[in-house]
Amino acid sequence: MGWNFNDNTPIYLQIINGLQREIASGAYPPGSRLASVRELALEAGVNPNTMQRALAELERQGLVNSQRTAGRFVTEDTAALSALRRSMSDEIIADFFRSMQSLGLSNEEILSLVQDWVLEHSKEEH
């Protein structure tokens, strides 16, 4: 994962979001082992304490669990993973609608444009 941090949000929150995205997308499949705190911190270019804080929050959220001697693993709880995907999708959709509404489009116009876009681009996939 390439880490690009901005100055607008605390780094540990950006790490949480990045790891949530990787988990939701399947880049870290259910049950997969995460690298150690030190390895992840080195990869991200952050202090290990910052990475530890982010991983502790992911544990609190139920997305990651620790096994004392084996490390941290992505949850295999399909309900938790579905809830994560839904939550992240809702956020993306809300941002999209706000952007489209800022162009003066109604929800109906936005839905029509999305349907047209999907139809047009589904032909390209086949």
C-alpha atoms as a PDB file:
ATOM      1  CA  MET A   1       0.000   0.000   0.000  1.00  0.00           C
ATOM      2  CA  GLY A   2       1.384   3.401  -0.938  1.00  0.00           C
ATOM      3  CA  TRP A   3       0.890   5.835   1.925  1.00  0.00           C
ATOM      4  CA  ASN A   4       0.296   9.515   1.159  1.00  0.00           C
ATOM      5  CA  PHE A   5      -0.643  11.505   4.218  1.00  0.00           C
ATOM      6  CA  ASN A   6      -2.162  14.976   4.253  1.00  0.00           C
ATOM      7  CA  ASP A   7      -1.946  17.645   6.940  1.00  0.00           C
ATOM      8  CA  ASN A   8      -5.723  18.007   7.384  1.00  0.00           C
ATOM      9  CA  THR A   9      -6.349  14.792   9.365  1.00  0.00           C
ATOM     10  CA  PRO A  10      -4.334  13.061  12.091  1.00  0.00           C
ATOM     11  CA  ILE A  11      -2.067  10.410  10.602  1.00  0.00           C
ATOM     12  CA  TYR A  12      -3.454   7.584  12.736  1.00  0.00           C
ATOM     13  CA  LEU A  13      -6.955   8.305  11.352  1.00  0.00           C
ATOM     14  CA  GLN A  14      -5.590   8.225   7.809  1.00  0.00           C
ATOM     15  CA  ILE A  15      -3.926   4.884   8.577  1.00  0.00           C
ATOM     16  CA  ILE A  16      -7.214   3.524   9.955  1.00  0.00           C
ATOM     17  CA  ASN A  17      -9.040   4.650   6.817  1.00  0.00           C
ATOM     18  CA  GLY A  18      -6.391   3.180   4.528  1.00  0.00           C
ATOM     19  CA  LEU A  19      -6.412  -0.173   6.297  1.00  0.00           C
ATOM     20  CA  GLN A  20     -10.226  -0.220   6.367  1.00  0.00           C
ATOM     21  CA  ARG A  21     -10.169   0.330   2.605  1.00  0.00           C
ATOM     22  CA  GLU A  22      -7.674  -2.504   2.122  1.00  0.00           C
ATOM     23  CA  ILE A  23      -9.785  -4.822   4.291  1.00  0.00           C
ATOM     24  CA  ALA A  24     -13.052  -3.823   2.582  1.00  0.00           C
ATOM     25  CA  SER A  25     -11.575  -4.311  -0.887  1.00  0.00           C
ATOM     26  CA  GLY A  26     -10.201  -7.748  -0.067  1.00  0.00           C
ATOM     27  CA  ALA A  27      -6.567  -6.687  -0.416  1.00  0.00           C
ATOM     28  CA  TYR A  28      -6.323  -8.087   3.113  1.00  0.00           C
ATOM     29  CA  PRO A  29      -8.663 -11.097   2.871  1.00  0.00           C
ATOM     30  CA  PRO A  30     -10.628 -12.368   5.886  1.00  0.00           C
ATOM     31  CA  GLY A  31      -8.355 -14.337   8.190  1.00  0.00           C
ATOM     32  CA  SER A  32      -5.154 -12.998   6.647  1.00  0.00           C
ATOM     33  CA  ARG A  33      -2.254 -12.060   8.878  1.00  0.00           C
ATOM     34  CA  LEU A  34      -1.142  -8.439   8.967  1.00  0.00           C
ATOM     35  CA  ALA A  35       2.511  -7.501   9.022  1.00  0.00           C
ATOM     36  CA  SER A  36       3.934  -6.538  12.409  1.00  0.00           C
ATOM     37  CA  VAL A  37       3.474  -3.058  13.848  1.00  0.00           C
ATOM     38  CA  ARG A  38       7.112  -2.278  13.120  1.00  0.00           C
ATOM     39  CA  GLU A  39       6.896  -3.516   9.520  1.00  0.00           C
ATOM     40  CA  LEU A  40       3.701  -1.566   8.854  1.00  0.00           C
ATOM     41  CA  ALA A  41       5.144   1.544  10.500  1.00  0.00           C
ATOM     42  CA  LEU A  42       8.305   1.293   8.417  1.00  0.00           C
ATOM     43  CA  GLU A  43       6.265   0.832   5.226  1.00  0.00           C
ATOM     44  CA  ALA A  44       4.093   3.852   6.068  1.00  0.00           C
ATOM     45  CA  GLY A  45       7.000   5.946   7.318  1.00  0.00           C
ATOM     46  CA  VAL A  46       5.392   6.581  10.705  1.00  0.00           C
ATOM     47  CA  ASN A  47       6.278   6.044  14.344  1.00  0.00           C
ATOM     48  CA  PRO A  48       5.393   2.524  15.546  1.00  0.00           C
ATOM     49  CA  ASN A  49       3.272   4.104  18.314  1.00  0.00           C
ATOM     50  CA  THR A  50       1.133   5.781  15.646  1.00  0.00           C
ATOM     51  CA  MET A  51       0.650   2.475  13.843  1.00  0.00           C
ATOM     52  CA  GLN A  52      -0.116   0.721  17.131  1.00  0.00           C
ATOM     53  CA  ARG A  53      -2.804   3.312  17.884  1.00  0.00           C
ATOM     54  CA  ALA A  54      -4.417   2.751  14.478  1.00  0.00           C
ATOM     55  CA  LEU A  55      -4.340  -1.040  14.830  1.00  0.00           C
ATOM     56  CA  ALA A  56      -5.779  -0.833  18.349  1.00  0.00           C
ATOM     57  CA  GLU A  57      -8.722   1.135  16.934  1.00  0.00           C
ATOM     58  CA  LEU A  58      -9.245  -1.451  14.184  1.00  0.00           C
ATOM     59  CA  GLU A  59      -9.295  -4.103  16.917  1.00  0.00           C
ATOM     60  CA  ARG A  60     -11.839  -2.061  18.880  1.00  0.00           C
ATOM     61  CA  GLN A  61     -13.972  -1.899  15.714  1.00  0.00           C
ATOM     62  CA  GLY A  62     -13.778  -5.690  15.402  1.00  0.00           C
ATOM     63  CA  LEU A  63     -12.007  -5.615  12.033  1.00  0.00           C
ATOM     64  CA  VAL A  64      -8.723  -7.014  13.314  1.00  0.00           C
ATOM     65  CA  ASN A  65      -7.960  -9.379  16.158  1.00  0.00           C
ATOM     66  CA  SER A  66      -4.752 -10.228  17.974  1.00  0.00           C
ATOM     67  CA  GLN A  67      -3.472 -13.661  18.721  1.00  0.00           C
ATOM     68  CA  ARG A  68      -0.858 -13.336  21.440  1.00  0.00           C
ATOM     69  CA  THR A  69       2.078 -15.076  19.760  1.00  0.00           C
ATOM     70  CA  ALA A  70       0.898 -15.174  16.139  1.00  0.00           C
ATOM     71  CA  GLY A  71       0.174 -11.498  15.394  1.00  0.00           C
ATOM     72  CA  ARG A  72      -2.857  -9.642  14.109  1.00  0.00           C
ATOM     73  CA  PHE A  73      -5.400 -11.061  11.701  1.00  0.00           C
ATOM     74  CA  VAL A  74      -8.263  -9.636   9.671  1.00  0.00           C
ATOM     75  CA  THR A  75     -11.618 -10.694  11.071  1.00  0.00           C
ATOM     76  CA  GLU A  76     -13.516 -13.513   9.432  1.00  0.00           C
ATOM     77  CA  ASP A  77     -16.804 -12.015  10.652  1.00  0.00           C
ATOM     78  CA  THR A  78     -18.688 -11.566   7.376  1.00  0.00           C
ATOM     79  CA  ALA A  79     -21.302  -9.326   9.034  1.00  0.00           C
ATOM     80  CA  ALA A  80     -18.594  -6.939  10.258  1.00  0.00           C
ATOM     81  CA  LEU A  81     -16.969  -6.890   6.812  1.00  0.00           C
ATOM     82  CA  SER A  82     -20.314  -6.263   5.096  1.00  0.00           C
ATOM     83  CA  ALA A  83     -21.071  -3.452   7.555  1.00  0.00           C
ATOM     84  CA  LEU A  84     -17.662  -1.902   6.803  1.00  0.00           C
ATOM     85  CA  ARG A  85     -18.265  -2.048   3.038  1.00  0.00           C
ATOM     86  CA  ARG A  86     -21.744  -0.585   3.465  1.00  0.00           C
ATOM     87  CA  SER A  87     -20.517   2.233   5.696  1.00  0.00           C
ATOM     88  CA  MET A  88     -17.688   3.131   3.323  1.00  0.00           C
ATOM     89  CA  SER A  89     -20.016   2.905   0.312  1.00  0.00           C
ATOM     90  CA  ASP A  90     -22.562   5.185   1.991  1.00  0.00           C
ATOM     91  CA  GLU A  91     -19.841   7.754   2.601  1.00  0.00           C
ATOM     92  CA  ILE A  92     -18.669   7.662  -1.031  1.00  0.00           C
ATOM     93  CA  ILE A  93     -22.239   7.912  -2.339  1.00  0.00           C
ATOM     94  CA  ALA A  94     -23.025  10.841  -0.028  1.00  0.00           C
ATOM     95  CA  ASP A  95     -19.893  12.676  -1.230  1.00  0.00           C
ATOM     96  CA  PHE A  96     -20.819  11.945  -4.849  1.00  0.00           C
ATOM     97  CA  PHE A  97     -24.369  13.252  -4.409  1.00  0.00           C
ATOM     98  CA  ARG A  98     -23.139  16.413  -2.649  1.00  0.00           C
ATOM     99  CA  SER A  99     -20.746  17.051  -5.547  1.00  0.00           C
ATOM    100  CA  MET A 100     -23.426  16.490  -8.168  1.00  0.00           C
ATOM    101  CA  GLN A 101     -25.951  18.616  -6.258  1.00  0.00           C
ATOM    102  CA  SER A 102     -23.382  21.415  -6.165  1.00  0.00           C
ATOM    103  CA  LEU A 103     -23.733  21.434  -9.963  1.00  0.00           C
ATOM    104  CA  GLY A 104     -27.438  22.155  -9.496  1.00  0.00           C
ATOM    105  CA  LEU A 105     -28.637  18.643 -10.330  1.00  0.00           C
ATOM    106  CA  SER A 106     -31.617  17.046  -8.606  1.00  0.00           C
ATOM    107  CA  ASN A 107     -31.464  13.513  -7.209  1.00  0.00           C
ATOM    108  CA  GLU A 108     -33.583  12.323 -10.143  1.00  0.00           C
ATOM    109  CA  GLU A 109     -31.187  13.890 -12.653  1.00  0.00           C
ATOM    110  CA  ILE A 110     -28.223  12.357 -10.858  1.00  0.00           C
ATOM    111  CA  LEU A 111     -29.809   8.893 -10.883  1.00  0.00           C
ATOM    112  CA  SER A 112     -30.609   9.237 -14.580  1.00  0.00           C
ATOM    113  CA  LEU A 113     -27.008  10.229 -15.349  1.00  0.00           C
ATOM    114  CA  VAL A 114     -25.693   7.298 -13.302  1.00  0.00           C
ATOM    115  CA  GLN A 115     -28.000   4.856 -15.110  1.00  0.00           C
ATOM    116  CA  ASP A 116     -26.891   6.243 -18.479  1.00  0.00           C
ATOM    117  CA  TRP A 117     -23.247   5.974 -17.435  1.00  0.00           C
ATOM    118  CA  VAL A 118     -23.629   2.371 -16.270  1.00  0.00           C
ATOM    119  CA  LEU A 119     -25.383   1.348 -19.487  1.00  0.00           C
ATOM    120  CA  GLU A 120     -22.762   3.061 -21.626  1.00  0.00           C
ATOM    121  CA  HIS A 121     -19.816   1.582 -19.739  1.00  0.00           C
ATOM    122  CA  SER A 122     -21.244  -1.918 -19.327  1.00  0.00           C
ATOM    123  CA  LYS A 123     -21.149  -2.239 -23.116  1.00  0.00           C
ATOM    124  CA  GLU A 124     -17.409  -1.504 -23.014  1.00  0.00           C
ATOM    125  CA  GLU A 125     -16.807  -4.376 -20.568  1.00  0.00           C
ATOM    126  CA  HIS A 126     -18.287  -7.012 -22.866  1.00  0.00           C
END
